[in-house]
Amino acid sequence: MHRYLEFVSSSAKEAVLFNVAGVVMALAVLLLFRIPLSESFGFIILLESTGLMLIGGALGVAGQATTRKVAEMLTRRKLDPGLRTGSDAKAGLYALTGFILFAEGALMAAILA
């Protein structure tokens, strides 16, 4: 249970960092193009969450046995079995952070609609 809370806490910290970056980008869009802050911030959050979930999915696939076997055949060297646990943890972190951002964007759209 402790590791689970640590994992969620880590994803929440990552989501806060992405929110700060999103606010900075939304302010730049507001100053440059006069697009309302809420609209540009929502779109930026959507893009960030989509990218994070795609990266998480790609890392999850990279850790699968079939993908590792193909990589071993193509590179002609043995891959470390410890890579699987590392890529699974990273995949989960990115996917959960992307989901948190997506849920935040959906909540923001529901409130501002």
N, C-alpha and C. Protein backbone atom coordinates (compact mmCIF):
# COMPACT_ATOMS: atom_id res chain seq x y z
N MET A 1 0.83 -1.19 0.00
CA MET A 1 0.00 0.00 0.00
C MET A 1 0.87 1.26 0.00
N HIS A 2 1.99 1.19 0.74
CA HIS A 2 2.89 2.33 0.82
C HIS A 2 3.48 2.66 -0.54
N ARG A 3 3.87 1.65 -1.32
CA ARG A 3 4.44 1.88 -2.65
C ARG A 3 3.40 2.48 -3.59
N TYR A 4 2.14 2.05 -3.43
CA TYR A 4 1.07 2.59 -4.26
C TYR A 4 0.88 4.08 -3.99
N LEU A 5 0.86 4.47 -2.71
CA LEU A 5 0.70 5.88 -2.37
C LEU A 5 1.89 6.70 -2.85
N GLU A 6 3.07 6.12 -2.78
CA GLU A 6 4.27 6.79 -3.27
C GLU A 6 4.19 6.99 -4.79
N PHE A 7 3.66 5.99 -5.49
CA PHE A 7 3.50 6.05 -6.94
C PHE A 7 2.50 7.14 -7.32
N VAL A 8 1.36 7.20 -6.63
CA VAL A 8 0.34 8.20 -6.91
C VAL A 8 0.87 9.59 -6.57
N SER A 9 1.60 9.71 -5.48
CA SER A 9 2.19 10.99 -5.09
C SER A 9 3.17 11.48 -6.16
N SER A 10 3.96 10.58 -6.68
CA SER A 10 4.92 10.93 -7.72
C SER A 10 4.20 11.40 -8.99
N SER A 11 3.12 10.72 -9.35
CA SER A 11 2.35 11.13 -10.53
C SER A 11 1.69 12.48 -10.31
N ALA A 12 1.22 12.73 -9.10
CA ALA A 12 0.59 14.02 -8.80
C ALA A 12 1.62 15.15 -8.90
N LYS A 13 2.84 14.91 -8.43
CA LYS A 13 3.90 15.91 -8.54
C LYS A 13 4.22 16.20 -10.00
N GLU A 14 4.27 15.15 -10.81
CA GLU A 14 4.51 15.34 -12.24
C GLU A 14 3.38 16.14 -12.88
N ALA A 15 2.15 15.86 -12.48
CA ALA A 15 1.00 16.59 -13.03
C ALA A 15 1.07 18.06 -12.68
N VAL A 16 1.51 18.38 -11.47
CA VAL A 16 1.67 19.78 -11.07
C VAL A 16 2.71 20.47 -11.94
N LEU A 17 3.82 19.79 -12.22
CA LEU A 17 4.84 20.38 -13.09
C LEU A 17 4.30 20.64 -14.50
N PHE A 18 3.52 19.68 -15.01
CA PHE A 18 2.93 19.88 -16.33
C PHE A 18 1.90 21.01 -16.31
N ASN A 19 1.19 21.18 -15.20
CA ASN A 19 0.23 22.28 -15.09
C ASN A 19 0.94 23.63 -15.09
N VAL A 20 2.06 23.71 -14.39
CA VAL A 20 2.82 24.96 -14.37
C VAL A 20 3.30 25.29 -15.78
N ALA A 21 3.82 24.30 -16.48
CA ALA A 21 4.26 24.53 -17.86
C ALA A 21 3.07 24.91 -18.74
N GLY A 22 1.93 24.29 -18.52
CA GLY A 22 0.73 24.60 -19.30
C GLY A 22 0.25 26.02 -19.06
N VAL A 23 0.30 26.48 -17.83
CA VAL A 23 -0.11 27.85 -17.53
C VAL A 23 0.81 28.85 -18.20
N VAL A 24 2.11 28.58 -18.17
CA VAL A 24 3.07 29.49 -18.82
C VAL A 24 2.79 29.55 -20.33
N MET A 25 2.57 28.37 -20.94
CA MET A 25 2.27 28.36 -22.37
C MET A 25 0.94 29.05 -22.67
N ALA A 26 -0.06 28.85 -21.82
CA ALA A 26 -1.37 29.49 -22.03
C ALA A 26 -1.26 31.00 -21.90
N LEU A 27 -0.45 31.47 -20.97
CA LEU A 27 -0.23 32.92 -20.86
C LEU A 27 0.46 33.47 -22.09
N ALA A 28 1.41 32.73 -22.64
CA ALA A 28 2.08 33.17 -23.86
C ALA A 28 1.09 33.23 -25.03
N VAL A 29 0.22 32.23 -25.11
CA VAL A 29 -0.80 32.22 -26.18
C VAL A 29 -1.76 33.39 -26.00
N LEU A 30 -2.11 33.68 -24.75
CA LEU A 30 -3.00 34.82 -24.48
C LEU A 30 -2.36 36.13 -24.93
N LEU A 31 -1.08 36.31 -24.61
CA LEU A 31 -0.41 37.55 -24.99
C LEU A 31 -0.17 37.65 -26.49
N LEU A 32 0.16 36.53 -27.14
CA LEU A 32 0.47 36.57 -28.56
C LEU A 32 -0.76 36.57 -29.46
N PHE A 33 -1.75 35.76 -29.13
CA PHE A 33 -2.87 35.55 -30.04
C PHE A 33 -4.22 35.99 -29.49
N ARG A 34 -4.26 36.46 -28.26
CA ARG A 34 -5.50 36.91 -27.62
C ARG A 34 -6.56 35.80 -27.52
N ILE A 35 -6.12 34.56 -27.37
CA ILE A 35 -7.03 33.44 -27.16
C ILE A 35 -7.26 33.34 -25.66
N PRO A 36 -8.52 33.20 -25.21
CA PRO A 36 -8.80 33.15 -23.78
C PRO A 36 -7.97 32.09 -23.05
N LEU A 37 -7.58 32.43 -21.85
CA LEU A 37 -6.70 31.59 -21.05
C LEU A 37 -7.30 30.21 -20.80
N SER A 38 -8.58 30.14 -20.47
CA SER A 38 -9.20 28.84 -20.15
C SER A 38 -9.22 27.92 -21.37
N GLU A 39 -9.46 28.47 -22.55
CA GLU A 39 -9.52 27.64 -23.76
C GLU A 39 -8.13 27.12 -24.13
N SER A 40 -7.14 27.98 -24.10
CA SER A 40 -5.80 27.53 -24.48
C SER A 40 -5.22 26.59 -23.43
N PHE A 41 -5.48 26.84 -22.15
CA PHE A 41 -4.98 25.96 -21.10
C PHE A 41 -5.62 24.57 -21.21
N GLY A 42 -6.92 24.52 -21.48
CA GLY A 42 -7.59 23.24 -21.66
C GLY A 42 -7.03 22.45 -22.82
N PHE A 43 -6.76 23.13 -23.93
CA PHE A 43 -6.19 22.47 -25.10
C PHE A 43 -4.77 21.97 -24.81
N ILE A 44 -3.99 22.77 -24.11
CA ILE A 44 -2.62 22.37 -23.77
C ILE A 44 -2.64 21.16 -22.85
N ILE A 45 -3.54 21.14 -21.88
CA ILE A 45 -3.66 19.98 -20.98
C ILE A 45 -4.05 18.74 -21.78
N LEU A 46 -4.95 18.90 -22.72
CA LEU A 46 -5.35 17.76 -23.56
C LEU A 46 -4.17 17.21 -24.35
N LEU A 47 -3.37 18.10 -24.93
CA LEU A 47 -2.19 17.66 -25.67
C LEU A 47 -1.17 16.97 -24.77
N GLU A 48 -0.94 17.55 -23.59
CA GLU A 48 0.02 16.96 -22.67
C GLU A 48 -0.43 15.58 -22.20
N SER A 49 -1.71 15.45 -21.86
CA SER A 49 -2.20 14.16 -21.37
C SER A 49 -2.15 13.11 -22.47
N THR A 50 -2.47 13.49 -23.69
CA THR A 50 -2.41 12.55 -24.81
C THR A 50 -0.98 12.08 -25.03
N GLY A 51 -0.04 13.01 -25.03
CA GLY A 51 1.36 12.65 -25.21
C GLY A 51 1.88 11.74 -24.11
N LEU A 52 1.52 12.04 -22.87
CA LEU A 52 1.98 11.21 -21.75
C LEU A 52 1.39 9.80 -21.82
N MET A 53 0.12 9.69 -22.17
CA MET A 53 -0.47 8.36 -22.26
C MET A 53 0.12 7.57 -23.42
N LEU A 54 0.43 8.23 -24.53
CA LEU A 54 1.09 7.54 -25.64
C LEU A 54 2.49 7.07 -25.26
N ILE A 55 3.23 7.91 -24.56
CA ILE A 55 4.56 7.51 -24.10
C ILE A 55 4.47 6.35 -23.13
N GLY A 56 3.51 6.42 -22.20
CA GLY A 56 3.31 5.32 -21.26
C GLY A 56 2.97 4.02 -21.96
N GLY A 57 2.11 4.10 -22.96
CA GLY A 57 1.76 2.90 -23.73
C GLY A 57 2.94 2.34 -24.48
N ALA A 58 3.74 3.23 -25.07
CA ALA A 58 4.92 2.77 -25.81
C ALA A 58 5.93 2.11 -24.87
N LEU A 59 6.12 2.67 -23.69
CA LEU A 59 7.03 2.05 -22.73
C LEU A 59 6.49 0.72 -22.23
N GLY A 60 5.17 0.64 -22.08
CA GLY A 60 4.56 -0.62 -21.66
C GLY A 60 4.76 -1.71 -22.70
N VAL A 61 4.61 -1.35 -23.96
CA VAL A 61 4.83 -2.31 -25.04
C VAL A 61 6.30 -2.69 -25.13
N ALA A 62 7.18 -1.73 -24.90
CA ALA A 62 8.62 -2.00 -24.98
C ALA A 62 9.07 -3.01 -23.94
N GLY A 63 8.36 -3.10 -22.83
CA GLY A 63 8.74 -4.04 -21.79
C GLY A 63 8.17 -5.44 -21.97
N GLN A 64 7.32 -5.65 -22.97
CA GLN A 64 6.71 -6.96 -23.18
C GLN A 64 7.74 -7.95 -23.70
N ALA A 65 7.49 -9.22 -23.43
CA ALA A 65 8.44 -10.28 -23.79
C ALA A 65 8.66 -10.36 -25.30
N THR A 66 7.60 -10.23 -26.07
CA THR A 66 7.71 -10.33 -27.52
C THR A 66 8.57 -9.20 -28.08
N THR A 67 8.34 -8.00 -27.60
CA THR A 67 9.11 -6.85 -28.07
C THR A 67 10.58 -6.99 -27.71
N ARG A 68 10.86 -7.48 -26.50
CA ARG A 68 12.25 -7.69 -26.10
C ARG A 68 12.92 -8.76 -26.95
N LYS A 69 12.18 -9.81 -27.28
CA LYS A 69 12.73 -10.89 -28.10
C LYS A 69 13.08 -10.37 -29.49
N VAL A 70 12.19 -9.58 -30.08
CA VAL A 70 12.45 -8.99 -31.40
C VAL A 70 13.67 -8.08 -31.33
N ALA A 71 13.76 -7.27 -30.27
CA ALA A 71 14.91 -6.38 -30.11
C ALA A 71 16.21 -7.18 -29.97
N GLU A 72 16.15 -8.29 -29.26
CA GLU A 72 17.34 -9.14 -29.12
C GLU A 72 17.76 -9.71 -30.47
N MET A 73 16.78 -10.11 -31.28
CA MET A 73 17.11 -10.66 -32.59
C MET A 73 17.68 -9.60 -33.52
N LEU A 74 17.11 -8.38 -33.47
CA LEU A 74 17.58 -7.32 -34.35
C LEU A 74 18.96 -6.80 -33.95
N THR A 75 19.22 -6.68 -32.67
CA THR A 75 20.49 -6.14 -32.22
C THR A 75 21.54 -7.22 -31.98
N ARG A 76 21.12 -8.47 -31.96
CA ARG A 76 22.00 -9.63 -31.76
C ARG A 76 22.76 -9.55 -30.43
N ARG A 77 22.08 -9.04 -29.42
CA ARG A 77 22.66 -9.05 -28.07
C ARG A 77 21.55 -9.30 -27.06
N LYS A 78 21.91 -9.83 -25.94
CA LYS A 78 20.96 -10.18 -24.90
C LYS A 78 20.60 -8.94 -24.10
N LEU A 79 19.28 -8.71 -23.93
CA LEU A 79 18.82 -7.57 -23.16
C LEU A 79 18.70 -7.94 -21.69
N ASP A 80 18.91 -6.97 -20.83
CA ASP A 80 18.83 -7.18 -19.39
C ASP A 80 17.38 -7.41 -18.96
N PRO A 81 17.09 -8.50 -18.23
CA PRO A 81 15.71 -8.73 -17.78
C PRO A 81 15.23 -7.68 -16.79
N GLY A 82 16.13 -6.97 -16.14
CA GLY A 82 15.74 -5.92 -15.21
C GLY A 82 15.12 -4.71 -15.89
N LEU A 83 15.31 -4.59 -17.20
CA LEU A 83 14.73 -3.47 -17.94
C LEU A 83 13.22 -3.51 -17.91
N ARG A 84 12.64 -4.69 -17.81
CA ARG A 84 11.18 -4.82 -17.84
C ARG A 84 10.54 -4.12 -16.66
N THR A 85 11.06 -4.34 -15.46
CA THR A 85 10.45 -3.71 -14.29
C THR A 85 10.61 -2.19 -14.34
N GLY A 86 11.74 -1.71 -14.84
CA GLY A 86 11.94 -0.27 -14.95
C GLY A 86 11.01 0.35 -15.97
N SER A 87 10.83 -0.31 -17.12
CA SER A 87 9.95 0.25 -18.14
C SER A 87 8.49 0.16 -17.70
N ASP A 88 8.12 -0.88 -16.96
CA ASP A 88 6.75 -0.97 -16.45
C ASP A 88 6.45 0.14 -15.47
N ALA A 89 7.40 0.45 -14.59
CA ALA A 89 7.20 1.51 -13.62
C ALA A 89 7.09 2.87 -14.32
N LYS A 90 7.96 3.10 -15.29
CA LYS A 90 7.90 4.36 -16.03
C LYS A 90 6.60 4.46 -16.82
N ALA A 91 6.19 3.35 -17.43
CA ALA A 91 4.95 3.35 -18.21
C ALA A 91 3.77 3.69 -17.32
N GLY A 92 3.72 3.10 -16.15
CA GLY A 92 2.63 3.39 -15.22
C GLY A 92 2.64 4.83 -14.76
N LEU A 93 3.83 5.38 -14.50
CA LEU A 93 3.94 6.77 -14.07
C LEU A 93 3.43 7.72 -15.14
N TYR A 94 3.87 7.51 -16.38
CA TYR A 94 3.42 8.39 -17.46
C TYR A 94 1.92 8.24 -17.72
N ALA A 95 1.42 7.01 -17.72
CA ALA A 95 0.01 6.81 -17.98
C ALA A 95 -0.86 7.42 -16.89
N LEU A 96 -0.47 7.25 -15.63
CA LEU A 96 -1.26 7.82 -14.53
C LEU A 96 -1.21 9.34 -14.54
N THR A 97 -0.04 9.91 -14.82
CA THR A 97 0.07 11.36 -14.92
C THR A 97 -0.79 11.89 -16.06
N GLY A 98 -0.77 11.20 -17.19
CA GLY A 98 -1.62 11.60 -18.31
C GLY A 98 -3.09 11.52 -17.96
N PHE A 99 -3.48 10.48 -17.22
CA PHE A 99 -4.88 10.35 -16.82
C PHE A 99 -5.28 11.46 -15.85
N ILE A 100 -4.39 11.81 -14.92
CA ILE A 100 -4.69 12.91 -13.99
C ILE A 100 -4.91 14.21 -14.76
N LEU A 101 -4.05 14.49 -15.73
CA LEU A 101 -4.21 15.71 -16.53
C LEU A 101 -5.49 15.67 -17.35
N PHE A 102 -5.81 14.50 -17.91
CA PHE A 102 -7.04 14.37 -18.70
C PHE A 102 -8.27 14.60 -17.82
N ALA A 103 -8.27 14.02 -16.63
CA ALA A 103 -9.40 14.20 -15.71
C ALA A 103 -9.52 15.67 -15.30
N GLU A 104 -8.40 16.32 -15.09
CA GLU A 104 -8.41 17.74 -14.75
C GLU A 104 -9.00 18.57 -15.89
N GLY A 105 -8.58 18.27 -17.11
CA GLY A 105 -9.12 18.99 -18.27
C GLY A 105 -10.61 18.76 -18.45
N ALA A 106 -11.06 17.51 -18.24
CA ALA A 106 -12.49 17.21 -18.35
C ALA A 106 -13.29 17.94 -17.28
N LEU A 107 -12.78 17.98 -16.07
CA LEU A 107 -13.45 18.70 -14.98
C LEU A 107 -13.51 20.19 -15.28
N MET A 108 -12.41 20.72 -15.80
CA MET A 108 -12.37 22.14 -16.14
C MET A 108 -13.36 22.45 -17.26
N ALA A 109 -13.46 21.57 -18.25
CA ALA A 109 -14.42 21.79 -19.34
C ALA A 109 -15.85 21.72 -18.83
N ALA A 110 -16.12 20.81 -17.91
CA ALA A 110 -17.49 20.69 -17.37
C ALA A 110 -17.86 21.92 -16.54
N ILE A 111 -16.91 22.46 -15.81
CA ILE A 111 -17.19 23.63 -14.97
C ILE A 111 -17.35 24.87 -15.83
N LEU A 112 -16.52 25.05 -16.84
CA LEU A 112 -16.53 26.26 -17.65
C LEU A 112 -17.51 26.23 -18.82
N ALA A 113 -18.13 25.08 -19.06
CA ALA A 113 -19.05 24.97 -20.21
C ALA A 113 -20.35 25.69 -19.97
